[in-house]
C-alpha cells in the first residue's frame, strides 16, 4: 500500500523527547519526505501533538516504531491517504 499522508495523534512528556527529536526520528523513516508537528494541548506532564507525515510508500510500522522509540506515544491514526495521488478533503459547510 502506497501511504502518501498519515496524520497521527501523538503525546510526549514535557521534558523529553523534544519536538526536534521526534521530528528527526520520523524524518529517518523510509518514504518520508516531510513532517509537520503541531502542538494541540499542554498539561502539567504531557504535550499533545498532531503529526502530519507525507511522502511515498511510507513504512507505517517503521514510522510508529521510530516515534515510540523516542518515548512518545501514538494514540491514533486520524487521517490516512493512500494511492497514486493525494485526494484533498473538501470541508462541507453546514
N, C-alpha and C. Protein backbone atom coordinates (compact mmCIF):
# COMPACT_ATOMS: atom_id res chain seq x y z
N UNK A 1 0.85 -1.18 0.00
CA UNK A 1 0.00 0.00 0.00
C UNK A 1 0.90 1.24 0.00
N UNK A 2 0.59 2.17 -0.89
CA UNK A 2 1.38 3.39 -1.01
C UNK A 2 0.81 4.48 -0.10
N UNK A 3 1.33 4.56 1.13
CA UNK A 3 0.90 5.60 2.06
C UNK A 3 1.58 6.90 1.67
N UNK A 4 0.78 7.91 1.37
CA UNK A 4 1.30 9.22 0.97
C UNK A 4 1.18 10.24 2.09
N UNK A 5 0.14 10.11 2.92
CA UNK A 5 -0.04 11.03 4.05
C UNK A 5 -0.65 10.26 5.21
N UNK A 6 -0.15 10.55 6.40
CA UNK A 6 -0.73 9.98 7.61
C UNK A 6 -0.70 11.05 8.69
N UNK A 7 -1.82 11.20 9.39
CA UNK A 7 -1.92 12.16 10.48
C UNK A 7 -2.14 11.37 11.76
N UNK A 8 -1.26 11.61 12.73
CA UNK A 8 -1.27 10.85 13.98
C UNK A 8 -1.50 11.77 15.18
N UNK A 9 -2.19 11.25 16.17
CA UNK A 9 -2.33 11.90 17.47
C UNK A 9 -1.23 11.32 18.35
N UNK A 10 -0.27 12.15 18.72
CA UNK A 10 0.91 11.70 19.47
C UNK A 10 1.08 12.55 20.73
N UNK A 11 1.32 11.88 21.86
CA UNK A 11 1.63 12.57 23.11
C UNK A 11 3.08 12.31 23.49
N UNK A 12 3.68 13.30 24.14
CA UNK A 12 5.05 13.16 24.65
C UNK A 12 5.12 13.84 26.01
N UNK A 13 6.10 13.46 26.78
CA UNK A 13 6.32 14.09 28.07
C UNK A 13 6.83 15.53 27.85
N UNK A 14 6.58 16.40 28.82
CA UNK A 14 7.02 17.80 28.72
C UNK A 14 8.54 17.89 28.48
N UNK A 15 9.30 17.16 29.27
CA UNK A 15 10.76 17.27 29.24
C UNK A 15 11.43 16.56 28.07
N UNK A 16 11.04 15.33 27.82
CA UNK A 16 11.74 14.51 26.82
C UNK A 16 10.78 13.53 26.20
N UNK A 17 10.79 13.31 24.92
CA UNK A 17 11.71 13.85 23.93
C UNK A 17 11.30 15.25 23.50
N UNK A 18 12.22 15.96 22.89
CA UNK A 18 11.88 17.27 22.34
C UNK A 18 11.14 17.06 21.02
N UNK A 19 10.46 18.09 20.55
CA UNK A 19 9.80 18.00 19.24
C UNK A 19 10.82 17.76 18.13
N UNK A 20 12.00 18.33 18.29
CA UNK A 20 13.07 18.13 17.31
C UNK A 20 13.49 16.66 17.27
N UNK A 21 13.58 16.01 18.45
CA UNK A 21 13.93 14.59 18.50
C UNK A 21 12.88 13.74 17.79
N UNK A 22 11.61 14.04 18.03
CA UNK A 22 10.53 13.29 17.39
C UNK A 22 10.57 13.51 15.87
N UNK A 23 10.73 14.75 15.44
CA UNK A 23 10.79 15.06 14.01
C UNK A 23 11.97 14.36 13.33
N UNK A 24 13.11 14.35 13.98
CA UNK A 24 14.29 13.69 13.41
C UNK A 24 14.06 12.19 13.27
N UNK A 25 13.43 11.58 14.26
CA UNK A 25 13.13 10.15 14.19
C UNK A 25 12.18 9.86 13.04
N UNK A 26 11.17 10.68 12.86
CA UNK A 26 10.20 10.48 11.78
C UNK A 26 10.86 10.68 10.42
N UNK A 27 11.67 11.70 10.32
CA UNK A 27 12.33 12.01 9.05
C UNK A 27 13.23 10.87 8.56
N UNK A 28 13.73 10.06 9.48
CA UNK A 28 14.62 8.96 9.11
C UNK A 28 13.89 7.72 8.59
N UNK A 29 12.56 7.72 8.65
CA UNK A 29 11.77 6.56 8.23
C UNK A 29 11.72 6.49 6.70
N UNK A 30 11.90 5.29 6.12
CA UNK A 30 11.83 5.14 4.66
C UNK A 30 10.51 5.66 4.09
N UNK A 31 10.63 6.47 3.04
CA UNK A 31 9.47 7.01 2.35
C UNK A 31 9.04 8.39 2.80
N UNK A 32 9.51 8.84 3.96
CA UNK A 32 9.09 10.14 4.49
C UNK A 32 9.80 11.26 3.73
N UNK A 33 8.99 12.21 3.23
CA UNK A 33 9.54 13.37 2.52
C UNK A 33 9.36 14.65 3.33
N UNK A 34 8.40 14.65 4.27
CA UNK A 34 8.17 15.84 5.08
C UNK A 34 7.33 15.51 6.30
N UNK A 35 7.53 16.29 7.36
CA UNK A 35 6.78 16.09 8.61
C UNK A 35 6.43 17.44 9.20
N UNK A 36 5.23 17.53 9.75
CA UNK A 36 4.77 18.73 10.44
C UNK A 36 4.24 18.30 11.80
N UNK A 37 4.75 18.90 12.86
CA UNK A 37 4.28 18.59 14.22
C UNK A 37 3.65 19.85 14.79
N UNK A 38 2.38 19.76 15.16
CA UNK A 38 1.64 20.88 15.73
C UNK A 38 1.24 20.55 17.15
N UNK A 39 1.59 21.41 18.09
CA UNK A 39 1.18 21.22 19.48
C UNK A 39 -0.30 21.57 19.58
N UNK A 40 -1.09 20.63 20.12
CA UNK A 40 -2.54 20.83 20.23
C UNK A 40 -2.98 21.10 21.66
N UNK A 41 -2.22 20.61 22.63
CA UNK A 41 -2.53 20.90 24.04
C UNK A 41 -1.32 20.61 24.91
N UNK A 42 -1.27 21.30 26.03
CA UNK A 42 -0.19 21.12 27.00
C UNK A 42 -0.83 21.03 28.38
N UNK A 43 -0.42 20.03 29.15
CA UNK A 43 -0.83 19.99 30.55
C UNK A 43 0.43 19.88 31.40
N UNK A 44 0.27 19.60 32.65
CA UNK A 44 1.41 19.63 33.58
C UNK A 44 2.49 18.60 33.26
N UNK A 45 2.11 17.47 32.66
CA UNK A 45 3.08 16.40 32.39
C UNK A 45 3.29 16.08 30.92
N UNK A 46 2.30 16.38 30.06
CA UNK A 46 2.40 15.95 28.67
C UNK A 46 2.10 17.06 27.68
N UNK A 47 2.57 16.83 26.47
CA UNK A 47 2.31 17.70 25.33
C UNK A 47 1.58 16.85 24.29
N UNK A 48 0.38 17.28 23.90
CA UNK A 48 -0.37 16.61 22.84
C UNK A 48 -0.02 17.23 21.51
N UNK A 49 0.20 16.40 20.49
CA UNK A 49 0.55 16.91 19.18
C UNK A 49 -0.23 16.22 18.08
N UNK A 50 -0.34 16.92 16.96
CA UNK A 50 -0.85 16.33 15.73
C UNK A 50 0.35 16.25 14.79
N UNK A 51 0.66 15.05 14.34
CA UNK A 51 1.82 14.82 13.49
C UNK A 51 1.34 14.46 12.09
N UNK A 52 1.70 15.28 11.11
CA UNK A 52 1.36 15.02 9.72
C UNK A 52 2.62 14.62 8.98
N UNK A 53 2.57 13.46 8.33
CA UNK A 53 3.73 12.94 7.61
C UNK A 53 3.31 12.73 6.16
N UNK A 54 4.14 13.20 5.22
CA UNK A 54 3.88 12.99 3.81
C UNK A 54 5.10 12.39 3.15
N UNK A 55 4.85 11.63 2.07
CA UNK A 55 5.93 11.01 1.33
C UNK A 55 5.42 10.03 0.31
N UNK A 56 6.22 9.05 -0.01
CA UNK A 56 5.89 8.00 -0.96
C UNK A 56 6.19 6.65 -0.30
N UNK A 57 5.17 5.81 -0.27
CA UNK A 57 5.31 4.47 0.30
C UNK A 57 5.94 4.52 1.70
N UNK A 58 5.34 5.33 2.56
CA UNK A 58 5.81 5.48 3.93
C UNK A 58 5.67 4.14 4.64
N UNK A 59 6.72 3.73 5.31
CA UNK A 59 6.73 2.46 6.05
C UNK A 59 6.01 2.68 7.39
N UNK A 60 4.74 2.27 7.45
CA UNK A 60 3.90 2.52 8.63
C UNK A 60 4.50 1.92 9.90
N UNK A 61 4.89 0.67 9.85
CA UNK A 61 5.42 0.02 11.06
C UNK A 61 6.70 0.70 11.53
N UNK A 62 7.56 1.06 10.60
CA UNK A 62 8.80 1.76 10.96
C UNK A 62 8.50 3.15 11.52
N UNK A 63 7.47 3.80 10.99
CA UNK A 63 7.07 5.12 11.47
C UNK A 63 6.63 5.06 12.93
N UNK A 64 5.73 4.15 13.24
CA UNK A 64 5.23 4.01 14.61
C UNK A 64 6.38 3.63 15.55
N UNK A 65 7.20 2.69 15.12
CA UNK A 65 8.33 2.24 15.94
C UNK A 65 9.31 3.39 16.21
N UNK A 66 9.58 4.21 15.20
CA UNK A 66 10.53 5.31 15.38
C UNK A 66 10.00 6.36 16.36
N UNK A 67 8.70 6.61 16.31
CA UNK A 67 8.10 7.58 17.24
C UNK A 67 8.15 7.04 18.66
N UNK A 68 7.75 5.79 18.83
CA UNK A 68 7.72 5.19 20.16
C UNK A 68 9.11 5.00 20.74
N UNK A 69 10.10 4.83 19.87
CA UNK A 69 11.48 4.67 20.33
C UNK A 69 11.99 5.95 21.01
N UNK A 70 11.41 7.11 20.66
CA UNK A 70 11.83 8.37 21.29
C UNK A 70 11.23 8.53 22.68
N UNK A 71 10.19 7.71 22.98
CA UNK A 71 9.50 7.84 24.25
C UNK A 71 8.12 8.46 24.11
N UNK A 72 7.77 8.90 22.91
CA UNK A 72 6.44 9.45 22.65
C UNK A 72 5.46 8.29 22.44
N UNK A 73 4.16 8.60 22.51
CA UNK A 73 3.13 7.57 22.40
C UNK A 73 2.15 7.94 21.29
N UNK A 74 1.90 7.00 20.37
CA UNK A 74 0.93 7.20 19.30
C UNK A 74 -0.43 6.75 19.82
N UNK A 75 -1.40 7.68 19.84
CA UNK A 75 -2.75 7.35 20.33
C UNK A 75 -3.68 6.89 19.22
N UNK A 76 -3.57 7.52 18.05
CA UNK A 76 -4.49 7.13 16.98
C UNK A 76 -3.99 7.62 15.63
N UNK A 77 -4.53 6.98 14.59
CA UNK A 77 -4.36 7.46 13.22
C UNK A 77 -5.62 8.27 12.92
N UNK A 78 -5.45 9.56 12.66
CA UNK A 78 -6.59 10.45 12.45
C UNK A 78 -6.88 10.71 10.98
N UNK A 79 -5.92 10.45 10.12
CA UNK A 79 -6.13 10.60 8.67
C UNK A 79 -5.13 9.71 7.97
N UNK A 80 -5.56 9.14 6.85
CA UNK A 80 -4.69 8.27 6.06
C UNK A 80 -5.01 8.50 4.60
N UNK A 81 -3.98 8.78 3.79
CA UNK A 81 -4.16 8.97 2.35
C UNK A 81 -3.23 7.98 1.64
N UNK A 82 -3.82 7.16 0.79
CA UNK A 82 -3.04 6.15 0.07
C UNK A 82 -3.40 6.20 -1.41
N UNK A 83 -2.54 5.63 -2.23
CA UNK A 83 -2.81 5.55 -3.66
C UNK A 83 -1.76 6.26 -4.48
N UNK A 84 -2.10 6.51 -5.73
CA UNK A 84 -1.16 7.15 -6.65
C UNK A 84 -1.07 8.65 -6.45
N UNK A 85 -2.14 9.25 -5.90
CA UNK A 85 -2.12 10.71 -5.69
C UNK A 85 -2.88 11.03 -4.41
N UNK A 86 -2.63 12.24 -3.90
CA UNK A 86 -3.34 12.71 -2.72
C UNK A 86 -4.71 13.24 -3.11
N UNK A 87 -5.70 12.90 -2.33
CA UNK A 87 -7.05 13.42 -2.52
C UNK A 87 -7.31 14.35 -1.34
N UNK A 88 -7.48 15.63 -1.63
CA UNK A 88 -7.70 16.60 -0.58
C UNK A 88 -9.16 16.54 -0.12
N UNK A 89 -9.34 16.61 1.18
CA UNK A 89 -10.68 16.59 1.75
C UNK A 89 -11.33 17.95 1.55
N UNK A 90 -12.57 17.94 1.10
CA UNK A 90 -13.32 19.18 0.93
C UNK A 90 -14.26 19.30 2.12
N UNK A 91 -14.09 20.35 2.91
CA UNK A 91 -14.91 20.57 4.10
C UNK A 91 -16.28 21.08 3.67
N UNK A 92 -17.30 20.42 4.16
CA UNK A 92 -18.67 20.84 3.87
C UNK A 92 -19.10 21.93 4.85
N UNK A 93 -19.87 22.86 4.35
CA UNK A 93 -20.49 23.85 5.23
C UNK A 93 -21.83 23.32 5.65
N UNK A 94 -22.16 23.52 6.89
CA UNK A 94 -23.46 23.05 7.40
C UNK A 94 -24.28 24.21 7.87
